[in-house]
Protein backbone atom coordinates (compact mmCIF):
# COMPACT_ATOMS: atom_id res chain seq x y z
CA MET A 1 96.43 -12.79 9.96
CA ALA A 2 97.04 -16.52 10.48
CA ARG A 3 100.45 -15.75 12.00
CA LEU A 4 98.81 -13.93 14.92
CA GLY A 5 97.60 -17.21 16.36
CA GLU A 6 100.51 -19.45 15.48
CA ASN A 7 101.53 -19.81 19.14
CA PHE A 8 97.99 -20.54 20.34
CA PRO A 9 97.19 -24.03 21.66
CA SER A 10 95.99 -26.38 18.92
CA LYS A 11 92.54 -26.69 20.54
CA PHE A 12 91.97 -22.94 20.12
CA LEU A 13 93.10 -23.02 16.52
CA GLU A 14 90.75 -25.92 15.86
CA ILE A 15 87.81 -24.00 17.36
CA ILE A 16 88.62 -20.94 15.25
CA ALA A 17 89.00 -23.02 12.07
CA ASN A 18 85.63 -24.69 12.65
CA THR A 19 83.73 -21.51 13.51
CA ASP A 20 81.20 -20.36 10.95
CA LEU A 21 81.71 -16.58 10.81
CA SER A 22 78.12 -16.06 9.66
CA THR A 23 76.96 -17.23 13.11
CA LEU A 24 78.82 -14.46 14.96
CA THR A 25 76.78 -11.53 16.18
CA LEU A 26 78.45 -8.22 16.90
CA ALA A 27 76.73 -5.74 19.16
CA PRO A 28 77.83 -2.22 20.05
CA LEU A 29 78.70 -1.39 23.63
CA LYS A 30 75.77 0.16 25.42
CA PHE A 31 76.14 2.94 27.92
CA ARG A 32 74.43 2.42 31.26
CA TRP A 33 73.91 5.23 33.74
CA PRO A 34 74.82 4.29 37.33
CA TRP A 35 71.25 4.88 38.50
CA ASP A 36 69.96 2.41 35.91
CA LEU A 37 71.95 -0.23 37.72
CA ILE A 38 70.57 0.83 41.09
CA PHE A 39 66.90 1.25 40.17
CA ARG A 40 66.39 -1.30 37.38
CA PRO A 41 66.59 -5.07 37.79
CA ALA A 42 69.79 -6.78 36.68
CA SER A 43 68.33 -10.25 37.13
CA ARG A 44 65.05 -11.89 36.32
CA ALA A 45 64.13 -15.46 37.25
CA ASN A 46 67.13 -17.65 36.33
CA LEU A 47 68.93 -14.99 34.30
CA THR A 48 71.44 -12.34 35.35
CA VAL A 49 74.02 -10.13 33.69
CA PRO A 50 77.58 -10.14 35.10
CA GLY A 51 80.67 -8.26 33.98
CA ASP A 52 80.44 -5.58 31.30
CA ALA A 53 76.83 -6.51 30.60
CA MET A 54 75.99 -5.38 34.13
CA HIS A 55 78.36 -2.44 34.46
CA PRO A 56 79.96 -1.14 31.27
CA MET A 57 82.31 1.71 32.11
CA THR A 58 84.92 3.88 30.52
CA ARG A 59 88.54 2.79 30.86
CA ASP A 60 89.59 5.72 33.04
CA LEU A 61 89.74 3.79 36.32
CA ALA A 62 90.98 0.59 34.67
CA GLN A 63 88.55 -1.44 36.77
CA GLY A 64 86.38 -3.13 34.13
CA GLY A 65 88.24 -6.44 34.04
CA CYS A 66 88.83 -6.48 37.79
CA SER A 67 85.17 -5.79 38.40
CA ALA A 68 84.19 -8.67 36.10
CA LEU A 69 86.48 -10.98 38.11
CA GLU A 70 84.87 -9.74 41.32
CA ASP A 71 81.48 -10.53 39.78
CA ALA A 72 82.63 -14.07 39.03
CA VAL A 73 83.77 -14.62 42.63
CA VAL A 74 80.63 -13.13 44.17
CA LEU A 75 78.33 -15.02 41.80
CA GLY A 76 80.29 -18.21 42.44
CA ARG A 77 79.98 -17.67 46.18
CA HIS A 78 76.20 -17.26 45.99
CA LEU A 79 75.65 -20.18 43.61
CA GLY A 80 78.25 -22.36 45.35
CA GLY A 81 76.61 -21.87 48.73
CA VAL A 82 73.30 -23.09 47.34
CA PHE A 83 74.90 -26.03 45.59
CA LEU A 84 76.78 -27.15 48.69
CA LYS A 85 73.57 -27.12 50.74
CA LYS A 86 71.24 -28.75 48.21
CA HIS A 87 73.73 -30.59 45.93
CA LYS A 88 71.72 -29.36 42.95
CA PHE A 89 70.44 -26.20 41.35
CA GLU A 90 66.71 -25.67 41.33
CA GLY A 91 64.87 -22.71 39.87
CA LYS A 92 64.02 -20.83 43.04
CA GLU A 93 67.48 -21.19 44.62
CA VAL A 94 69.17 -19.96 41.45
CA GLU A 95 66.79 -17.01 41.27
CA VAL A 96 67.50 -16.09 44.90
CA SER A 97 71.26 -16.49 44.31
CA PHE A 98 71.10 -14.14 41.33
CA LYS A 99 69.07 -11.56 43.27
CA ASN A 100 71.54 -11.69 46.16
CA TYR A 101 74.46 -11.35 43.74
CA VAL A 102 72.89 -8.26 42.15
CA LYS A 103 72.03 -6.80 45.55
CA GLU A 104 75.64 -7.20 46.67
CA ARG A 105 77.24 -5.90 43.47
CA LYS A 106 75.01 -3.07 42.25
CA TRP A 107 76.21 -0.29 44.57
CA ARG A 108 79.88 -1.05 44.00
CA ALA A 109 79.37 -1.31 40.25
CA ALA A 110 77.35 1.92 40.17
CA GLY A 111 80.14 3.66 42.10
CA LEU A 112 82.74 2.40 39.63
CA ILE A 113 80.67 3.60 36.67
CA LEU A 114 80.18 7.01 38.29
CA GLY A 115 83.86 7.30 39.24
CA SER A 116 84.87 6.37 35.72
CA LEU A 117 82.50 8.92 34.20
CA LEU A 118 83.66 11.63 36.59
CA SER A 119 87.29 10.85 35.86
CA ARG A 120 86.65 10.98 32.10
CA TRP A 121 84.70 14.25 32.31
CA VAL A 122 87.21 16.08 34.50
CA GLN A 123 90.29 14.95 32.60
CA GLY A 124 88.79 15.31 29.15
CA ASP A 125 88.27 19.05 28.76
CA ASP A 126 91.27 21.39 28.84
CA GLY A 127 89.65 24.55 27.56
CA TRP A 128 87.15 25.75 30.14
CA TRP A 129 88.61 27.51 33.21
CA LEU A 130 85.96 26.16 35.60
CA VAL A 131 86.67 22.57 34.60
CA LYS A 132 90.40 23.19 35.10
CA ALA A 133 89.73 24.59 38.58
CA ILE A 134 87.53 21.62 39.49
CA ARG A 135 90.11 19.21 38.12
CA HIS A 136 93.06 20.65 40.03
CA LYS A 137 91.43 21.66 43.31
CA VAL A 138 88.60 19.21 43.82
CA PHE A 139 89.30 16.18 41.67
CA TYR A 140 93.06 15.83 42.05
CA GLY A 141 93.14 17.42 45.49
CA LEU A 142 90.28 15.60 47.21
CA LEU A 143 88.62 12.91 45.14
CA TYR A 144 91.36 11.27 43.10
CA SER A 145 92.86 9.35 46.03
CA LYS A 146 89.36 8.20 47.02
CA LEU A 147 88.79 6.81 43.53
CA PHE A 148 91.86 4.62 43.94
CA ASN A 149 90.33 3.07 47.05
CA VAL A 150 88.07 1.13 44.67
CA ILE A 151 91.02 -1.16 43.99
CA ASP A 152 90.80 -2.59 47.51
CA TYR A 153 87.68 -4.77 47.45
CA ASP A 154 87.11 -7.95 49.44
CA CYS A 155 84.94 -10.46 47.58
CA ARG A 156 85.01 -12.72 50.67
CA VAL A 157 85.78 -16.41 50.59
CA LEU A 158 84.25 -18.86 48.17
CA PRO A 159 82.44 -21.76 49.85
CA ALA A 160 84.62 -24.85 50.05
CA PRO A 161 83.20 -28.28 49.32
CA PRO A 162 83.18 -30.79 52.18
CA SER A 163 86.33 -32.90 52.41
CA TYR A 164 84.58 -36.04 51.11
CA LEU A 165 84.03 -34.28 47.77
CA LYS A 166 87.64 -33.18 47.38
CA SER A 167 90.21 -35.13 45.45
CA GLY A 168 93.27 -36.56 47.16
CA LEU A 169 95.51 -33.88 45.64
CA GLU A 170 93.32 -31.09 47.03
CA ARG A 171 93.43 -32.68 50.51
CA GLN A 172 97.22 -32.95 50.33
CA THR A 173 97.55 -29.32 49.25
CA GLU A 174 95.50 -28.10 52.22
CA ALA A 175 97.98 -29.67 54.64
CA VAL A 176 100.95 -27.81 53.17
CA GLU A 177 101.84 -24.56 54.90
CA PHE A 178 103.33 -21.73 52.88
């Protein structure tokens, strides 16, 4: 088992060696219906749930990791905008940022969960003739290409700090055209 991490950076190996295994908590994945995400809150006060905690889904669309990265960008955009205006995080601004993040993400995430479930259901049963007909005529014929449109998502641009906050290297990099 130790050989699996032999090429890891020494800092990682040090963290693993100093981790008390009795402090780890394992929790099973929880299923969340798409409408739970739409109709139930995914943030409360200064707490929110991004990534798989917000939108666990089956692997059929292969969008779980991408969606978590989208969450990070959108959440960073909302929090970064507040920080650049106020230069600090205060309770109410963080709460509003989290609510705006959830508002922006919940419909996309619910659609991904539903698309993943539909994909799993249609592709998973080979025995029943009606499911085969739905799979070949409706799913593959009409919906499958639409499901792949979920790949193309624009998270928009993260807010950039004013130039007086940037390091010299960042300022030099901006001037370089590619």
